[in-house]
């Protein structure tokens, strides 16, 4: 079957694109390599969004939460209901490995089949690709880039790498549940944009010595029972059971590079696209959602990408008409 459009990614941006395609009677399909809103599923179990539920609403479906700022669990339920309400056409566990362009259509290869489409939307997000520590021992199973809950770290010596929201959240929660927590922060201070209800708490725990923190520091090597840290006062080795590397994530650029999509900001790998249609330099290839910010992952979120689906599907519908 030749689809009008295939959307790669069933995160919020991909779902919005699917809803807009459906509203415009386009023959569409969403391919998702994992689960529905896979990135949100991988958020910490007890995570609370910084945005309000109102700002996360899409497609005229109310987002009801117990407090103003919804939890991960509430978000998963909301997007499940959204997909169910619109009966979105989604094929799960379809990892796209290649996209080839011919004169009139694209051939999209997954691990178990081929799909064809006149247009392709890349709504890939970035949370599935963690940044690597790139040090000896970073491959060990004790090194984790995703955090679930604190229970497994009770009584353990853990190092939390990073100074942003995720690192501060993880450090506080694991410490509160009985872990021996040490933070390693590359910068001089914690990121001052950390959630306003978190920042004073973590700063006070560091100040009183409950959570030791090494600033202007980096990990040199990770071993089974130790971590070596380069600090302004010299090299330090501490006992360690787990390293939680909360140092951020980045988009997967392999599909963009296969299609020869250009970047308007080579340093930050921001894709080049028309802001009115989100079409890239490759005709009929569009980018949607947070990946449009490239490595500047704090610049875009669900609330300020909610119009992407409308822009893209209007362009596709106008061309077909």
Protein backbone atom coordinates (compact mmCIF):
# COMPACT_ATOMS: atom_id res chain seq x y z
CA UNK A 1 0.00 0.00 0.00
CA UNK A 2 1.24 3.47 -0.86
CA UNK A 3 0.42 5.80 2.05
CA UNK A 4 -0.03 9.53 1.74
CA UNK A 5 2.22 9.89 4.77
CA UNK A 6 4.08 7.69 7.22
CA UNK A 7 4.94 9.16 10.62
CA UNK A 8 7.94 7.68 12.40
CA UNK A 9 7.51 7.92 16.16
CA UNK A 10 4.45 7.57 18.41
CA UNK A 11 5.42 10.16 20.97
CA UNK A 12 3.21 13.22 21.54
CA UNK A 13 4.43 14.87 18.30
CA UNK A 14 3.78 11.73 16.27
CA UNK A 15 0.32 11.30 17.77
CA UNK A 16 -0.56 14.91 16.98
CA UNK A 17 0.60 14.40 13.38
CA UNK A 18 -1.54 11.27 13.14
CA UNK A 19 -4.60 13.05 14.47
CA UNK A 20 -4.17 15.92 11.99
CA UNK A 21 -3.63 13.46 9.11
CA UNK A 22 -6.82 11.67 10.11
CA UNK A 23 -8.77 14.94 10.26
CA UNK A 24 -7.64 15.73 6.71
CA UNK A 25 -8.61 12.25 5.46
CA UNK A 26 -5.04 11.36 4.55
CA UNK A 27 -4.00 7.74 4.26
CA UNK A 28 -1.46 7.64 7.09
CA UNK A 29 0.37 5.22 9.36
CA UNK A 30 2.48 5.72 12.49
CA UNK A 31 5.51 3.44 12.97
CA UNK A 32 6.89 3.20 16.51
CA UNK A 33 10.00 1.23 17.47
CA UNK A 34 8.82 0.70 21.04
CA UNK A 35 5.72 1.55 23.04
CA UNK A 36 3.14 4.31 22.89
CA UNK A 37 4.89 7.52 24.06
CA UNK A 38 7.97 5.41 24.66
CA UNK A 39 10.03 8.30 26.02
CA UNK A 40 7.47 9.18 28.69
CA UNK A 41 7.28 5.49 29.61
CA UNK A 42 11.03 5.61 30.32
CA UNK A 43 10.73 8.64 32.62
CA UNK A 44 11.26 7.97 36.36
CA UNK A 45 8.22 6.30 37.92
CA UNK A 46 7.50 9.19 40.29
CA UNK A 47 8.32 12.02 37.89
CA UNK A 48 6.16 15.16 37.87
CA UNK A 49 6.05 17.32 34.74
CA UNK A 50 7.21 20.91 34.94
CA UNK A 51 4.40 21.92 32.55
CA UNK A 52 0.78 22.04 33.62
CA UNK A 53 -1.71 19.51 32.31
CA UNK A 54 -3.45 22.33 30.41
CA UNK A 55 -0.29 23.03 28.42
CA UNK A 56 0.09 19.35 27.55
CA UNK A 57 -3.43 19.01 26.14
CA UNK A 58 -3.76 18.29 22.43
CA UNK A 59 -6.51 17.69 19.87
CA UNK A 60 -9.32 19.12 22.04
CA UNK A 61 -9.07 16.28 24.56
CA UNK A 62 -8.93 17.54 28.18
CA UNK A 63 -5.99 16.40 30.31
CA UNK A 64 -7.33 15.78 33.81
CA UNK A 65 -4.76 15.45 36.59
CA UNK A 66 -4.99 15.42 40.39
CA UNK A 67 -2.77 18.49 40.69
CA UNK A 68 -1.84 21.30 38.31
CA UNK A 69 1.34 19.50 37.25
CA UNK A 70 0.63 15.95 36.10
CA UNK A 71 2.64 12.84 36.86
CA UNK A 72 4.22 10.36 34.45
CA UNK A 73 1.42 7.89 35.19
CA UNK A 74 -1.25 10.46 34.39
CA UNK A 75 0.51 11.41 31.15
CA UNK A 76 0.70 7.77 30.04
CA UNK A 77 -3.02 7.39 30.66
CA UNK A 78 -3.82 10.64 28.85
CA UNK A 79 -1.94 9.72 25.67
CA UNK A 80 -3.37 6.20 25.76
CA UNK A 81 -6.88 7.66 25.84
CA UNK A 82 -5.92 10.07 23.04
CA UNK A 83 -4.77 7.24 20.78
CA UNK A 84 -7.82 5.18 21.66
CA UNK A 85 -10.30 8.03 21.12
CA UNK A 86 -9.02 8.78 17.63
CA UNK A 87 -8.36 5.10 16.85
CA UNK A 88 -4.95 6.05 15.54
CA UNK A 89 -3.29 3.68 13.09
CA UNK A 90 -0.08 2.72 14.88
CA UNK A 91 2.22 -0.23 14.31
CA UNK A 92 4.27 -0.81 17.47
CA UNK A 93 7.72 -2.40 17.73
CA UNK A 94 8.51 -1.44 14.15
CA UNK A 95 12.04 -0.07 14.23
CA UNK A 96 12.82 1.84 11.05
CA UNK A 97 16.33 0.96 9.89
CA UNK A 98 16.41 2.65 6.47
CA UNK A 99 14.55 5.09 4.24
CA UNK A 100 15.15 5.29 0.51
CA UNK A 101 13.74 7.90 -1.85
CA UNK A 102 12.68 7.14 -5.41
CA UNK A 103 11.08 9.54 -7.87
CA UNK A 104 7.55 9.32 -6.49
CA UNK A 105 7.69 7.74 -3.06
CA UNK A 106 9.80 6.60 -0.11
CA UNK A 107 10.53 3.00 0.81
CA UNK A 108 10.74 2.56 4.57
CA UNK A 109 12.47 -0.54 5.90
CA UNK A 110 11.74 -2.05 9.31
CA UNK A 111 13.12 -5.20 10.90
CA UNK A 112 10.27 -7.27 9.46
CA UNK A 113 8.88 -5.50 6.41
CA UNK A 114 8.69 -2.62 3.96
CA UNK A 115 6.32 0.34 3.79
CA UNK A 116 5.81 2.92 1.07
CA UNK A 117 4.71 6.55 1.40
CA UNK A 118 4.56 9.76 -0.59
CA UNK A 119 5.60 11.76 2.48
CA UNK A 120 7.62 10.99 5.61
CA UNK A 121 7.42 12.72 8.98
CA UNK A 122 10.32 12.19 11.39
CA UNK A 123 8.95 12.64 14.91
CA UNK A 124 11.82 10.83 16.60
CA UNK A 125 12.21 12.71 19.89
CA UNK A 126 15.52 12.38 21.71
CA UNK A 127 15.00 10.53 24.99
CA UNK A 128 15.81 7.13 23.50
CA UNK A 129 19.45 8.06 22.81
CA UNK A 130 21.36 8.80 26.04
CA UNK A 131 24.66 10.68 25.92
CA UNK A 132 27.63 8.48 26.71
CA UNK A 133 30.17 9.15 29.44
CA UNK A 134 32.93 7.97 27.09
CA UNK A 135 35.26 6.78 29.86
CA UNK A 136 36.76 3.42 30.75
CA UNK A 137 34.07 1.30 32.37
CA UNK A 138 31.08 3.24 31.00
CA UNK A 139 29.90 -0.03 29.38
CA UNK A 140 29.45 -1.78 32.75
CA UNK A 141 25.93 -2.84 33.71
CA UNK A 142 26.18 -0.75 36.89
CA UNK A 143 26.10 2.39 34.72
CA UNK A 144 22.52 3.47 34.08
CA UNK A 145 21.14 6.28 31.91
CA UNK A 146 17.51 5.79 32.92
CA UNK A 147 16.16 5.96 36.44
CA UNK A 148 13.08 4.05 37.57
CA UNK A 149 12.75 4.20 41.37
CA UNK A 150 14.85 4.33 44.50
CA UNK A 151 14.21 0.91 45.99
CA UNK A 152 17.10 -0.94 44.35
CA UNK A 153 19.59 1.65 45.60
CA UNK A 154 18.80 1.41 49.32
CA UNK A 155 22.08 1.10 51.23
CA UNK A 156 24.13 1.38 48.03
CA UNK A 157 26.97 3.75 47.19
CA UNK A 158 25.83 5.61 44.10
CA UNK A 159 27.28 8.37 41.99
CA UNK A 160 24.87 10.71 40.20
CA UNK A 161 26.50 12.43 37.24
CA UNK A 162 25.04 15.77 36.15
CA UNK A 163 23.64 18.96 37.64
CA UNK A 164 20.32 19.40 35.87
CA UNK A 165 16.73 18.54 36.75
CA UNK A 166 17.06 14.79 36.35
CA UNK A 167 20.30 14.56 38.33
CA UNK A 168 18.94 16.64 41.21
CA UNK A 169 15.68 14.67 41.30
CA UNK A 170 17.52 11.36 41.34
CA UNK A 171 20.05 12.45 43.95
CA UNK A 172 17.34 13.63 46.36
CA UNK A 173 15.05 10.65 45.92
CA UNK A 174 17.73 8.00 46.29
CA UNK A 175 19.26 9.82 49.27
CA UNK A 176 15.83 10.07 50.94
CA UNK A 177 15.44 6.29 50.55
CA UNK A 178 18.73 5.44 52.20
CA UNK A 179 21.34 5.48 49.43
CA UNK A 180 24.79 6.97 49.96
CA UNK A 181 24.80 9.57 47.20
CA UNK A 182 27.69 11.50 45.67
CA UNK A 183 27.18 13.99 42.85
CA UNK A 184 29.72 14.70 40.10
CA UNK A 185 28.99 17.95 38.27
CA UNK A 186 31.00 19.19 35.30
CA UNK A 187 30.07 22.84 35.89
CA UNK A 188 30.81 25.23 38.75
CA UNK A 189 27.24 25.09 40.07
CA UNK A 190 24.04 23.17 39.67
CA UNK A 191 21.92 24.26 36.70
CA UNK A 192 19.97 27.25 37.98
CA UNK A 193 16.95 26.30 35.87
CA UNK A 194 16.29 23.26 38.07
CA UNK A 195 12.66 23.10 39.23
CA UNK A 196 12.10 25.81 41.80
CA UNK A 197 10.83 23.37 44.42
CA UNK A 198 13.86 21.09 43.95
CA UNK A 199 16.82 23.49 43.75
CA UNK A 200 16.84 24.83 47.36
CA UNK A 201 16.43 21.31 48.71
CA UNK A 202 19.39 19.82 46.84
CA UNK A 203 21.55 22.87 47.56
CA UNK A 204 20.85 22.51 51.28
CA UNK A 205 21.65 18.78 51.24
CA UNK A 206 24.98 19.53 49.56
CA UNK A 207 25.75 22.39 51.95
CA UNK A 208 25.12 20.28 55.05
CA UNK A 209 27.19 17.42 53.65
CA UNK A 210 24.36 14.90 53.36
CA UNK A 211 25.03 14.64 49.63
CA UNK A 212 28.73 15.26 48.83
CA UNK A 213 29.21 16.99 45.49
CA UNK A 214 32.30 17.44 43.32
CA UNK A 215 31.96 20.50 41.07
CA UNK A 216 34.18 21.30 38.07
CA UNK A 217 34.76 17.57 38.06
CA UNK A 218 34.51 14.60 35.72
CA UNK A 219 34.69 10.85 36.02
CA UNK A 220 37.95 9.35 34.77
CA UNK A 221 37.22 5.63 35.17
CA UNK A 222 34.48 3.32 36.40
CA UNK A 223 35.31 -0.06 37.92
CA UNK A 224 33.16 -2.78 39.47
CA UNK A 225 33.46 -1.40 43.01
CA UNK A 226 35.00 2.06 42.54
CA UNK A 227 34.82 5.30 40.60
CA UNK A 228 37.77 7.62 39.99
CA UNK A 229 36.97 11.34 39.71
CA UNK A 230 39.12 14.20 38.46
CA UNK A 231 38.48 17.17 40.77
CA UNK A 232 40.04 20.64 41.14
CA UNK A 233 41.85 19.30 44.22
CA UNK A 234 43.21 16.24 42.46
CA UNK A 235 42.14 12.69 41.61
CA UNK A 236 39.72 11.04 44.05
CA UNK A 237 38.66 7.39 44.19
CA UNK A 238 35.48 6.42 46.03
CA UNK A 239 33.60 3.16 46.65
CA UNK A 240 30.72 2.68 44.26
CA UNK A 241 27.91 0.27 43.43
CA UNK A 242 26.02 2.21 40.75
CA UNK A 243 26.61 5.19 38.46
CA UNK A 244 23.47 7.04 37.40
CA UNK A 245 24.48 9.14 34.40
CA UNK A 246 21.82 11.84 34.23
CA UNK A 247 23.69 13.83 31.57
CA UNK A 248 20.97 14.16 28.97
CA UNK A 249 19.95 12.68 25.68
CA UNK A 250 20.14 13.53 22.01
CA UNK A 251 18.19 12.78 18.81
CA UNK A 252 19.04 9.81 16.62
CA UNK A 253 20.33 11.36 13.42
CA UNK A 254 20.82 8.21 11.36
CA UNK A 255 17.59 8.54 9.38
CA UNK A 256 18.14 12.25 8.70
CA UNK A 257 21.64 11.52 7.48
CA UNK A 258 20.42 8.70 5.23
CA UNK A 259 18.04 11.16 3.58
CA UNK A 260 20.74 13.87 3.36
CA UNK A 261 18.75 16.32 5.46
CA UNK A 262 20.86 19.42 6.00
CA UNK A 263 21.48 21.16 9.33
CA UNK A 264 21.00 24.88 9.78
CA UNK A 265 23.15 24.76 12.91
CA UNK A 266 25.97 22.26 12.47
CA UNK A 267 27.29 22.70 16.00
CA UNK A 268 23.97 21.85 17.63
CA UNK A 269 22.72 19.62 14.79
CA UNK A 270 19.47 21.53 14.33
CA UNK A 271 17.74 20.22 11.19
CA UNK A 272 17.09 22.68 8.38
CA UNK A 273 13.36 23.13 7.75
CA UNK A 274 10.80 25.67 6.59
CA UNK A 275 9.25 27.10 9.78
CA UNK A 276 5.86 27.42 8.09
CA UNK A 277 5.60 23.82 6.91
CA UNK A 278 8.42 22.00 8.75
CA UNK A 279 9.52 20.53 5.41
CA UNK A 280 13.25 19.89 5.20
CA UNK A 281 15.54 20.51 2.25
CA UNK A 282 14.45 17.06 1.01
CA UNK A 283 11.04 17.46 -0.60
CA UNK A 284 8.24 15.62 1.22
CA UNK A 285 10.39 14.93 4.30
CA UNK A 286 9.21 16.73 7.44
CA UNK A 287 10.50 16.98 11.01
CA UNK A 288 8.23 17.33 14.04
CA UNK A 289 8.48 17.70 17.78
CA UNK A 290 11.41 18.23 20.11
CA UNK A 291 14.02 16.89 17.67
CA UNK A 292 13.63 20.16 15.75
CA UNK A 293 15.82 21.78 18.42
CA UNK A 294 18.72 19.40 17.75
CA UNK A 295 21.10 19.17 20.69
CA UNK A 296 19.41 22.17 22.32
CA UNK A 297 17.02 19.76 23.97
CA UNK A 298 15.73 22.29 26.50
CA UNK A 299 14.36 24.62 23.79
CA UNK A 300 11.37 22.54 22.74
CA UNK A 301 8.88 20.43 24.64
CA UNK A 302 5.34 19.14 24.11
CA UNK A 303 3.69 22.45 24.90
CA UNK A 304 5.48 24.47 22.19
CA UNK A 305 5.34 21.85 19.44
CA UNK A 306 1.59 21.24 19.49
CA UNK A 307 1.11 23.06 16.16
CA UNK A 308 3.63 20.95 14.26
CA UNK A 309 1.10 18.36 13.14
CA UNK A 310 -1.26 21.00 11.78
CA UNK A 311 1.50 22.73 9.78
CA UNK A 312 2.79 19.51 8.27
CA UNK A 313 -0.54 17.97 7.34
CA UNK A 314 -1.83 21.22 5.86
CA UNK A 315 1.22 21.27 3.57
CA UNK A 316 0.70 17.64 2.55
CA UNK A 317 -3.05 18.05 2.00
CA UNK A 318 -2.56 21.23 -0.05
CA UNK A 319 -0.04 19.46 -2.30
CA UNK A 320 -2.29 16.44 -2.83
CA UNK A 321 -5.27 18.68 -3.57
